[in-house]
Amino acid sequence: MADYISLNRNTDFRRLYMRGKSFTHPALVTYVMRNRAGICRFGITTSKKIGNAVERNRAKRVIRAAFFALSEEVLGNWDIVFVARGRTKWIKSTELE
């Protein structure tokens, strides 16, 4: 598994929302941008629109499992933010990959 760091500062998330490139999927929105840290950093967000805490945590687990399955291919200096959508909690991580 590749080295990674979890994004947890609001400024990092806001920088990616403003300046990062976005890719959409019916179950997920992904923001990516190169960084100077020399390591891959990622963050996951879910809003209360997704559902209660159990459903939001399931959506985060699905996204995290899909990311770790593909983390060998995501090497280098990238900041990545995954934003869950309403469908995320119902799909499997293999479908999200």
PDB file of N, CA and C in Angstrom:
ATOM      1  N   MET A   1       0.841  -1.169   0.000  1.00  0.00           N
ATOM      2  CA  MET A   1       0.000   0.000   0.000  1.00  0.00           C
ATOM      3  C   MET A   1       0.892   1.241   0.000  1.00  0.00           C
ATOM      4  N   ALA A   2       0.488   2.228  -0.756  1.00  0.00           N
ATOM      5  CA  ALA A   2       1.265   3.448  -0.875  1.00  0.00           C
ATOM      6  C   ALA A   2       1.130   4.288   0.393  1.00  0.00           C
ATOM      7  N   ASP A   3       2.100   5.169   0.596  1.00  0.00           N
ATOM      8  CA  ASP A   3       2.040   6.066   1.737  1.00  0.00           C
ATOM      9  C   ASP A   3       0.992   7.137   1.478  1.00  0.00           C
ATOM     10  N   TYR A   4       0.297   7.520   2.510  1.00  0.00           N
ATOM     11  CA  TYR A   4      -0.723   8.548   2.385  1.00  0.00           C
ATOM     12  C   TYR A   4      -0.866   9.253   3.728  1.00  0.00           C
ATOM     13  N   ILE A   5      -1.469  10.434   3.684  1.00  0.00           N
ATOM     14  CA  ILE A   5      -1.801  11.197   4.873  1.00  0.00           C
ATOM     15  C   ILE A   5      -3.247  11.636   4.719  1.00  0.00           C
ATOM     16  N   SER A   6      -3.985  11.627   5.802  1.00  0.00           N
ATOM     17  CA  SER A   6      -5.374  12.053   5.764  1.00  0.00           C
ATOM     18  C   SER A   6      -5.460  13.571   5.880  1.00  0.00           C
ATOM     19  N   LEU A   7      -6.243  14.186   5.000  1.00  0.00           N
ATOM     20  CA  LEU A   7      -6.490  15.621   5.092  1.00  0.00           C
ATOM     21  C   LEU A   7      -7.496  15.868   6.196  1.00  0.00           C
ATOM     22  N   ASN A   8      -7.236  16.844   7.058  1.00  0.00           N
ATOM     23  CA  ASN A   8      -8.188  17.118   8.118  1.00  0.00           C
ATOM     24  C   ASN A   8      -8.353  18.602   8.412  1.00  0.00           C
ATOM     25  N   ARG A   9      -7.642  19.465   7.708  1.00  0.00           N
ATOM     26  CA  ARG A   9      -7.796  20.901   7.927  1.00  0.00           C
ATOM     27  C   ARG A   9      -8.782  21.484   6.923  1.00  0.00           C
ATOM     28  N   ASN A  10      -9.632  22.361   7.385  1.00  0.00           N
ATOM     29  CA  ASN A  10     -10.641  22.968   6.538  1.00  0.00           C
ATOM     30  C   ASN A  10     -10.007  23.745   5.384  1.00  0.00           C
ATOM     31  N   THR A  11      -8.866  24.360   5.610  1.00  0.00           N
ATOM     32  CA  THR A  11      -8.213  25.129   4.553  1.00  0.00           C
ATOM     33  C   THR A  11      -7.777  24.240   3.397  1.00  0.00           C
ATOM     34  N   ASP A  12      -7.354  23.017   3.700  1.00  0.00           N
ATOM     35  CA  ASP A  12      -6.975  22.074   2.637  1.00  0.00           C
ATOM     36  C   ASP A  12      -8.179  21.707   1.784  1.00  0.00           C
ATOM     37  N   PHE A  13      -9.306  21.436   2.439  1.00  0.00           N
ATOM     38  CA  PHE A  13     -10.516  21.084   1.707  1.00  0.00           C
ATOM     39  C   PHE A  13     -10.985  22.260   0.845  1.00  0.00           C
ATOM     40  N   ARG A  14     -10.995  23.455   1.415  1.00  0.00           N
ATOM     41  CA  ARG A  14     -11.467  24.624   0.673  1.00  0.00           C
ATOM     42  C   ARG A  14     -10.563  24.946  -0.505  1.00  0.00           C
ATOM     43  N   ARG A  15      -9.250  24.747  -0.338  1.00  0.00           N
ATOM     44  CA  ARG A  15      -8.313  24.982  -1.444  1.00  0.00           C
ATOM     45  C   ARG A  15      -8.593  24.033  -2.600  1.00  0.00           C
ATOM     46  N   LEU A  16      -8.885  22.785  -2.284  1.00  0.00           N
ATOM     47  CA  LEU A  16      -9.193  21.822  -3.338  1.00  0.00           C
ATOM     48  C   LEU A  16     -10.527  22.127  -4.009  1.00  0.00           C
ATOM     49  N   TYR A  17     -11.516  22.546  -3.237  1.00  0.00           N
ATOM     50  CA  TYR A  17     -12.811  22.886  -3.832  1.00  0.00           C
ATOM     51  C   TYR A  17     -12.673  24.051  -4.800  1.00  0.00           C
ATOM     52  N   MET A  18     -11.821  25.030  -4.462  1.00  0.00           N
ATOM     53  CA  MET A  18     -11.685  26.220  -5.295  1.00  0.00           C
ATOM     54  C   MET A  18     -10.752  26.017  -6.489  1.00  0.00           C
ATOM     55  N   ARG A  19      -9.599  25.389  -6.254  1.00  0.00           N
ATOM     56  CA  ARG A  19      -8.584  25.332  -7.298  1.00  0.00           C
ATOM     57  C   ARG A  19      -8.369  23.950  -7.896  1.00  0.00           C
ATOM     58  N   GLY A  20      -8.941  22.913  -7.294  1.00  0.00           N
ATOM     59  CA  GLY A  20      -8.722  21.563  -7.789  1.00  0.00           C
ATOM     60  C   GLY A  20      -9.593  21.234  -8.987  1.00  0.00           C
ATOM     61  N   LYS A  21      -9.230  20.196  -9.685  1.00  0.00           N
ATOM     62  CA  LYS A  21     -10.015  19.711 -10.818  1.00  0.00           C
ATOM     63  C   LYS A  21     -11.013  18.699 -10.284  1.00  0.00           C
ATOM     64  N   SER A  22     -12.261  18.785 -10.750  1.00  0.00           N
ATOM     65  CA  SER A  22     -13.295  17.897 -10.224  1.00  0.00           C
ATOM     66  C   SER A  22     -13.730  16.891 -11.271  1.00  0.00           C
ATOM     67  N   PHE A  23     -14.074  15.715 -10.782  1.00  0.00           N
ATOM     68  CA  PHE A  23     -14.607  14.635 -11.602  1.00  0.00           C
ATOM     69  C   PHE A  23     -15.864  14.129 -10.912  1.00  0.00           C
ATOM     70  N   THR A  24     -16.926  13.941 -11.675  1.00  0.00           N
ATOM     71  CA  THR A  24     -18.185  13.515 -11.067  1.00  0.00           C
ATOM     72  C   THR A  24     -18.545  12.105 -11.494  1.00  0.00           C
ATOM     73  N   HIS A  25     -19.280  11.459 -10.644  1.00  0.00           N
ATOM     74  CA  HIS A  25     -19.799  10.110 -10.826  1.00  0.00           C
ATOM     75  C   HIS A  25     -21.147  10.118 -10.126  1.00  0.00           C
ATOM     76  N   PRO A  26     -22.098   9.296 -10.527  1.00  0.00           N
ATOM     77  CA  PRO A  26     -23.394   9.314  -9.839  1.00  0.00           C
ATOM     78  C   PRO A  26     -23.310   9.058  -8.338  1.00  0.00           C
ATOM     79  N   ALA A  27     -22.252   8.427  -7.876  1.00  0.00           N
ATOM     80  CA  ALA A  27     -22.135   8.119  -6.450  1.00  0.00           C
ATOM     81  C   ALA A  27     -21.031   8.898  -5.748  1.00  0.00           C
ATOM     82  N   LEU A  28     -20.288   9.738  -6.470  1.00  0.00           N
ATOM     83  CA  LEU A  28     -19.097  10.335  -5.881  1.00  0.00           C
ATOM     84  C   LEU A  28     -18.652  11.552  -6.685  1.00  0.00           C
ATOM     85  N   VAL A  29     -18.119  12.547  -6.008  1.00  0.00           N
ATOM     86  CA  VAL A  29     -17.432  13.672  -6.644  1.00  0.00           C
ATOM     87  C   VAL A  29     -16.000  13.659  -6.128  1.00  0.00           C
ATOM     88  N   THR A  30     -15.045  13.785  -7.024  1.00  0.00           N
ATOM     89  CA  THR A  30     -13.635  13.734  -6.664  1.00  0.00           C
ATOM     90  C   THR A  30     -12.955  15.029  -7.075  1.00  0.00           C
ATOM     91  N   TYR A  31     -12.224  15.635  -6.153  1.00  0.00           N
ATOM     92  CA  TYR A  31     -11.416  16.815  -6.427  1.00  0.00           C
ATOM     93  C   TYR A  31      -9.955  16.414  -6.288  1.00  0.00           C
ATOM     94  N   VAL A  32      -9.135  16.766  -7.293  1.00  0.00           N
ATOM     95  CA  VAL A  32      -7.712  16.417  -7.253  1.00  0.00           C
ATOM     96  C   VAL A  32      -6.875  17.646  -7.582  1.00  0.00           C
ATOM     97  N   MET A  33      -5.686  17.660  -7.000  1.00  0.00           N
ATOM     98  CA  MET A  33      -4.739  18.741  -7.253  1.00  0.00           C
ATOM     99  C   MET A  33      -3.356  18.280  -6.815  1.00  0.00           C
ATOM    100  N   ARG A  34      -2.344  18.686  -7.559  1.00  0.00           N
ATOM    101  CA  ARG A  34      -0.972  18.352  -7.168  1.00  0.00           C
ATOM    102  C   ARG A  34      -0.585  19.131  -5.924  1.00  0.00           C
ATOM    103  N   ASN A  35       0.285  18.537  -5.106  1.00  0.00           N
ATOM    104  CA  ASN A  35       0.799  19.227  -3.924  1.00  0.00           C
ATOM    105  C   ASN A  35       2.320  19.184  -3.932  1.00  0.00           C
ATOM    106  N   ARG A  36       2.911  19.859  -2.990  1.00  0.00           N
ATOM    107  CA  ARG A  36       4.368  19.888  -2.878  1.00  0.00           C
ATOM    108  C   ARG A  36       4.861  19.025  -1.730  1.00  0.00           C
ATOM    109  N   ALA A  37       3.982  18.286  -1.111  1.00  0.00           N
ATOM    110  CA  ALA A  37       4.351  17.503   0.070  1.00  0.00           C
ATOM    111  C   ALA A  37       5.153  16.253  -0.294  1.00  0.00           C
ATOM    112  N   GLY A  38       5.038  15.777  -1.534  1.00  0.00           N
ATOM    113  CA  GLY A  38       5.764  14.582  -1.934  1.00  0.00           C
ATOM    114  C   GLY A  38       5.086  13.299  -1.509  1.00  0.00           C
ATOM    115  N   ILE A  39       3.847  13.391  -1.042  1.00  0.00           N
ATOM    116  CA  ILE A  39       3.111  12.225  -0.579  1.00  0.00           C
ATOM    117  C   ILE A  39       1.643  12.433  -0.937  1.00  0.00           C
ATOM    118  N   CYS A  40       0.930  11.345  -1.117  1.00  0.00           N
ATOM    119  CA  CYS A  40      -0.493  11.422  -1.439  1.00  0.00           C
ATOM    120  C   CYS A  40      -1.287  11.718  -0.168  1.00  0.00           C
ATOM    121  N   ARG A  41      -2.163  12.729  -0.242  1.00  0.00           N
ATOM    122  CA  ARG A  41      -3.023  13.078   0.887  1.00  0.00           C
ATOM    123  C   ARG A  41      -4.461  12.988   0.412  1.00  0.00           C
ATOM    124  N   PHE A  42      -5.347  12.455   1.255  1.00  0.00           N
ATOM    125  CA  PHE A  42      -6.742  12.351   0.837  1.00  0.00           C
ATOM    126  C   PHE A  42      -7.676  12.657   1.995  1.00  0.00           C
ATOM    127  N   GLY A  43      -8.893  13.058   1.637  1.00  0.00           N
ATOM    128  CA  GLY A  43      -9.917  13.353   2.629  1.00  0.00           C
ATOM    129  C   GLY A  43     -11.277  12.916   2.096  1.00  0.00           C
ATOM    130  N   ILE A  44     -12.190  12.624   3.000  1.00  0.00           N
ATOM    131  CA  ILE A  44     -13.533  12.178   2.633  1.00  0.00           C
ATOM    132  C   ILE A  44     -14.537  13.051   3.361  1.00  0.00           C
ATOM    133  N   THR A  45     -15.538  13.546   2.642  1.00  0.00           N
ATOM    134  CA  THR A  45     -16.593  14.329   3.272  1.00  0.00           C
ATOM    135  C   THR A  45     -17.947  13.731   2.942  1.00  0.00           C
ATOM    136  N   THR A  46     -18.827  13.794   3.918  1.00  0.00           N
ATOM    137  CA  THR A  46     -20.220  13.405   3.726  1.00  0.00           C
ATOM    138  C   THR A  46     -21.083  14.432   4.442  1.00  0.00           C
ATOM    139  N   SER A  47     -22.188  14.795   3.836  1.00  0.00           N
ATOM    140  CA  SER A  47     -23.062  15.773   4.472  1.00  0.00           C
ATOM    141  C   SER A  47     -24.250  15.062   5.115  1.00  0.00           C
ATOM    142  N   LYS A  48     -25.027  15.810   5.851  1.00  0.00           N
ATOM    143  CA  LYS A  48     -26.196  15.218   6.494  1.00  0.00           C
ATOM    144  C   LYS A  48     -27.283  14.862   5.494  1.00  0.00           C
ATOM    145  N   LYS A  49     -27.153  15.327   4.254  1.00  0.00           N
ATOM    146  CA  LYS A  49     -28.095  14.940   3.207  1.00  0.00           C
ATOM    147  C   LYS A  49     -27.988  13.447   2.894  1.00  0.00           C
ATOM    148  N   ILE A  50     -26.843  12.860   3.186  1.00  0.00           N
ATOM    149  CA  ILE A  50     -26.618  11.439   2.921  1.00  0.00           C
ATOM    150  C   ILE A  50     -27.515  10.587   3.812  1.00  0.00           C
ATOM    151  N   GLY A  51     -27.710  10.986   5.038  1.00  0.00           N
ATOM    152  CA  GLY A  51     -28.532  10.217   5.971  1.00  0.00           C
ATOM    153  C   GLY A  51     -28.024  10.385   7.389  1.00  0.00           C
ATOM    154  N   ASN A  52     -28.425   9.457   8.235  1.00  0.00           N
ATOM    155  CA  ASN A  52     -27.998   9.538   9.630  1.00  0.00           C
ATOM    156  C   ASN A  52     -26.530   9.112   9.757  1.00  0.00           C
ATOM    157  N   ALA A  53     -26.011   9.095  10.969  1.00  0.00           N
ATOM    158  CA  ALA A  53     -24.589   8.831  11.196  1.00  0.00           C
ATOM    159  C   ALA A  53     -24.165   7.454  10.693  1.00  0.00           C
ATOM    160  N   VAL A  54     -25.025   6.466  10.842  1.00  0.00           N
ATOM    161  CA  VAL A  54     -24.697   5.119  10.389  1.00  0.00           C
ATOM    162  C   VAL A  54     -24.513   5.102   8.876  1.00  0.00           C
ATOM    163  N   GLU A  55     -25.411   5.767   8.144  1.00  0.00           N
ATOM    164  CA  GLU A  55     -25.323   5.792   6.684  1.00  0.00           C
ATOM    165  C   GLU A  55     -24.135   6.620   6.208  1.00  0.00           C
ATOM    166  N   ARG A  56     -23.840   7.724   6.892  1.00  0.00           N
ATOM    167  CA  ARG A  56     -22.674   8.526   6.518  1.00  0.00           C
ATOM    168  C   ARG A  56     -21.384   7.752   6.749  1.00  0.00           C
ATOM    169  N   ASN A  57     -21.282   7.026   7.851  1.00  0.00           N
ATOM    170  CA  ASN A  57     -20.084   6.226   8.112  1.00  0.00           C
ATOM    171  C   ASN A  57     -19.944   5.094   7.114  1.00  0.00           C
ATOM    172  N   ARG A  58     -21.058   4.484   6.703  1.00  0.00           N
ATOM    173  CA  ARG A  58     -20.990   3.443   5.674  1.00  0.00           C
ATOM    174  C   ARG A  58     -20.469   4.020   4.370  1.00  0.00           C
ATOM    175  N   ALA A  59     -20.953   5.208   3.992  1.00  0.00           N
ATOM    176  CA  ALA A  59     -20.486   5.845   2.761  1.00  0.00           C
ATOM    177  C   ALA A  59     -18.978   6.104   2.838  1.00  0.00           C
ATOM    178  N   LYS A  60     -18.491   6.562   3.993  1.00  0.00           N
ATOM    179  CA  LYS A  60     -17.052   6.805   4.148  1.00  0.00           C
ATOM    180  C   LYS A  60     -16.260   5.509   4.075  1.00  0.00           C
ATOM    181  N   ARG A  61     -16.791   4.438   4.671  1.00  0.00           N
ATOM    182  CA  ARG A  61     -16.093   3.146   4.610  1.00  0.00           C
ATOM    183  C   ARG A  61     -16.009   2.631   3.186  1.00  0.00           C
ATOM    184  N   VAL A  62     -17.071   2.797   2.410  1.00  0.00           N
ATOM    185  CA  VAL A  62     -17.081   2.342   1.013  1.00  0.00           C
ATOM    186  C   VAL A  62     -16.037   3.117   0.210  1.00  0.00           C
ATOM    187  N   ILE A  63     -15.998   4.428   0.386  1.00  0.00           N
ATOM    188  CA  ILE A  63     -15.034   5.255  -0.345  1.00  0.00           C
ATOM    189  C   ILE A  63     -13.608   4.896   0.065  1.00  0.00           C
ATOM    190  N   ARG A  64     -13.376   4.733   1.368  1.00  0.00           N
ATOM    191  CA  ARG A  64     -12.035   4.402   1.864  1.00  0.00           C
ATOM    192  C   ARG A  64     -11.570   3.050   1.322  1.00  0.00           C
ATOM    193  N   ALA A  65     -12.457   2.056   1.283  1.00  0.00           N
ATOM    194  CA  ALA A  65     -12.086   0.733   0.768  1.00  0.00           C
ATOM    195  C   ALA A  65     -11.746   0.804  -0.717  1.00  0.00           C
ATOM    196  N   ALA A  66     -12.511   1.579  -1.482  1.00  0.00           N
ATOM    197  CA  ALA A  66     -12.216   1.725  -2.904  1.00  0.00           C
ATOM    198  C   ALA A  66     -10.892   2.447  -3.112  1.00  0.00           C
ATOM    199  N   PHE A  67     -10.610   3.452  -2.294  1.00  0.00           N
ATOM    200  CA  PHE A  67      -9.342   4.175  -2.417  1.00  0.00           C
ATOM    201  C   PHE A  67      -8.161   3.274  -2.096  1.00  0.00           C
ATOM    202  N   PHE A  68      -8.245   2.508  -1.020  1.00  0.00           N
ATOM    203  CA  PHE A  68      -7.136   1.641  -0.654  1.00  0.00           C
ATOM    204  C   PHE A  68      -6.917   0.533  -1.678  1.00  0.00           C
ATOM    205  N   ALA A  69      -7.970   0.081  -2.346  1.00  0.00           N
ATOM    206  CA  ALA A  69      -7.808  -0.931  -3.390  1.00  0.00           C
ATOM    207  C   ALA A  69      -7.035  -0.367  -4.573  1.00  0.00           C
ATOM    208  N   LEU A  70      -7.184   0.927  -4.826  1.00  0.00           N
ATOM    209  CA  LEU A  70      -6.490   1.556  -5.951  1.00  0.00           C
ATOM    210  C   LEU A  70      -5.292   2.388  -5.529  1.00  0.00           C
ATOM    211  N   SER A  71      -4.939   2.368  -4.259  1.00  0.00           N
ATOM    212  CA  SER A  71      -3.889   3.254  -3.768  1.00  0.00           C
ATOM    213  C   SER A  71      -2.515   2.939  -4.360  1.00  0.00           C
ATOM    214  N   GLU A  72      -2.315   1.730  -4.833  1.00  0.00           N
ATOM    215  CA  GLU A  72      -1.036   1.398  -5.466  1.00  0.00           C
ATOM    216  C   GLU A  72      -0.842   2.209  -6.742  1.00  0.00           C
ATOM    217  N   GLU A  73      -1.943   2.546  -7.428  1.00  0.00           N
ATOM    218  CA  GLU A  73      -1.849   3.309  -8.667  1.00  0.00           C
ATOM    219  C   GLU A  73      -1.763   4.807  -8.412  1.00  0.00           C
ATOM    220  N   VAL A  74      -2.151   5.251  -7.219  1.00  0.00           N
ATOM    221  CA  VAL A  74      -2.146   6.672  -6.889  1.00  0.00           C
ATOM    222  C   VAL A  74      -0.882   6.967  -6.092  1.00  0.00           C
ATOM    223  N   LEU A  75       0.193   7.128  -6.791  1.00  0.00           N
ATOM    224  CA  LEU A  75       1.461   7.463  -6.147  1.00  0.00           C
ATOM    225  C   LEU A  75       1.817   8.897  -6.493  1.00  0.00           C
ATOM    226  N   GLY A  76       2.617   9.509  -5.684  1.00  0.00           N
ATOM    227  CA  GLY A  76       3.086  10.841  -6.000  1.00  0.00           C
ATOM    228  C   GLY A  76       2.442  11.905  -5.143  1.00  0.00           C
ATOM    229  N   ASN A  77       2.596  13.146  -5.589  1.00  0.00           N
ATOM    230  CA  ASN A  77       2.140  14.274  -4.804  1.00  0.00           C
ATOM    231  C   ASN A  77       0.757  14.711  -5.274  1.00  0.00           C
ATOM    232  N   TRP A  78      -0.264  14.128  -4.721  1.00  0.00           N
ATOM    233  CA  TRP A  78      -1.641  14.485  -5.051  1.00  0.00           C
ATOM    234  C   TRP A  78      -2.424  14.734  -3.778  1.00  0.00           C
ATOM    235  N   ASP A  79      -3.264  15.749  -3.822  1.00  0.00           N
ATOM    236  CA  ASP A  79      -4.278  15.957  -2.808  1.00  0.00           C
ATOM    237  C   ASP A  79      -5.595  15.517  -3.425  1.00  0.00           C
ATOM    238  N   ILE A  80      -6.335  14.676  -2.736  1.00  0.00           N
ATOM    239  CA  ILE A  80      -7.587  14.135  -3.260  1.00  0.00           C
ATOM    240  C   ILE A  80      -8.661  14.289  -2.195  1.00  0.00           C
ATOM    241  N   VAL A  81      -9.819  14.811  -2.596  1.00  0.00           N
ATOM    242  CA  VAL A  81     -10.970  14.895  -1.703  1.00  0.00           C
ATOM    243  C   VAL A  81     -12.126  14.173  -2.375  1.00  0.00           C
ATOM    244  N   PHE A  82     -12.735  13.251  -1.649  1.00  0.00           N
ATOM    245  CA  PHE A  82     -13.902  12.526  -2.119  1.00  0.00           C
ATOM    246  C   PHE A  82     -15.128  13.071  -1.401  1.00  0.00           C
ATOM    247  N   VAL A  83     -16.163  13.422  -2.159  1.00  0.00           N
ATOM    248  CA  VAL A  83     -17.407  13.917  -1.591  1.00  0.00           C
ATOM    249  C   VAL A  83     -18.483  12.888  -1.900  1.00  0.00           C
ATOM    250  N   ALA A  84     -19.076  12.331  -0.858  1.00  0.00           N
ATOM    251  CA  ALA A  84     -20.095  11.295  -1.036  1.00  0.00           C
ATOM    252  C   ALA A  84     -21.395  11.905  -1.536  1.00  0.00           C
ATOM    253  N   ARG A  85     -22.107  11.144  -2.331  1.00  0.00           N
ATOM    254  CA  ARG A  85     -23.433  11.527  -2.798  1.00  0.00           C
ATOM    255  C   ARG A  85     -24.448  10.557  -2.199  1.00  0.00           C
ATOM    256  N   GLY A  86     -25.702  10.800  -2.469  1.00  0.00           N
ATOM    257  CA  GLY A  86     -26.770   9.986  -1.888  1.00  0.00           C
ATOM    258  C   GLY A  86     -26.695   8.512  -2.236  1.00  0.00           C
ATOM    259  N   ARG A  87     -26.164   8.201  -3.397  1.00  0.00           N
ATOM    260  CA  ARG A  87     -26.071   6.809  -3.832  1.00  0.00           C
ATOM    261  C   ARG A  87     -24.901   6.039  -3.238  1.00  0.00           C
ATOM    262  N   THR A  88     -23.955   6.739  -2.681  1.00  0.00           N
ATOM    263  CA  THR A  88     -22.718   6.100  -2.212  1.00  0.00           C
ATOM    264  C   THR A  88     -22.977   5.034  -1.168  1.00  0.00           C
ATOM    265  N   LYS A  89     -23.919   5.268  -0.285  1.00  0.00           N
ATOM    266  CA  LYS A  89     -24.156   4.322   0.810  1.00  0.00           C
ATOM    267  C   LYS A  89     -24.773   3.012   0.336  1.00  0.00           C
ATOM    268  N   TRP A  90     -25.317   2.974  -0.875  1.00  0.00           N
ATOM    269  CA  TRP A  90     -25.985   1.766  -1.353  1.00  0.00           C
ATOM    270  C   TRP A  90     -25.109   0.902  -2.245  1.00  0.00           C
ATOM    271  N   ILE A  91     -23.955   1.396  -2.708  1.00  0.00           N
ATOM    272  CA  ILE A  91     -23.146   0.603  -3.634  1.00  0.00           C
ATOM    273  C   ILE A  91     -21.998  -0.067  -2.885  1.00  0.00           C
ATOM    274  N   LYS A  92     -21.373  -0.992  -3.554  1.00  0.00           N
ATOM    275  CA  LYS A  92     -20.227  -1.708  -2.989  1.00  0.00           C
ATOM    276  C   LYS A  92     -18.945  -1.017  -3.423  1.00  0.00           C
ATOM    277  N   SER A  93     -17.891  -1.208  -2.664  1.00  0.00           N
ATOM    278  CA  SER A  93     -16.625  -0.538  -2.969  1.00  0.00           C
ATOM    279  C   SER A  93     -16.042  -1.003  -4.303  1.00  0.00           C
ATOM    280  N   THR A  94     -16.301  -2.249  -4.683  1.00  0.00           N
ATOM    281  CA  THR A  94     -15.790  -2.734  -5.967  1.00  0.00           C
ATOM    282  C   THR A  94     -16.463  -2.026  -7.133  1.00  0.00           C
ATOM    283  N   GLU A  95     -17.728  -1.639  -6.985  1.00  0.00           N
ATOM    284  CA  GLU A  95     -18.389  -0.873  -8.038  1.00  0.00           C
ATOM    285  C   GLU A  95     -17.841   0.543  -8.114  1.00  0.00           C
ATOM    286  N   LEU A  96     -17.450   1.084  -6.982  1.00  0.00           N
ATOM    287  CA  LEU A  96     -16.940   2.462  -6.927  1.00  0.00           C
ATOM    288  C   LEU A  96     -15.523   2.556  -7.487  1.00  0.00           C
ATOM    289  N   GLU A  97     -14.768   1.495  -7.420  1.00  0.00           N
ATOM    290  CA  GLU A  97     -13.388   1.516  -7.944  1.00  0.00           C
ATOM    291  C   GLU A  97     -13.408   1.888  -9.410  1.00  0.00           C
TER     292      GLU A  97
END
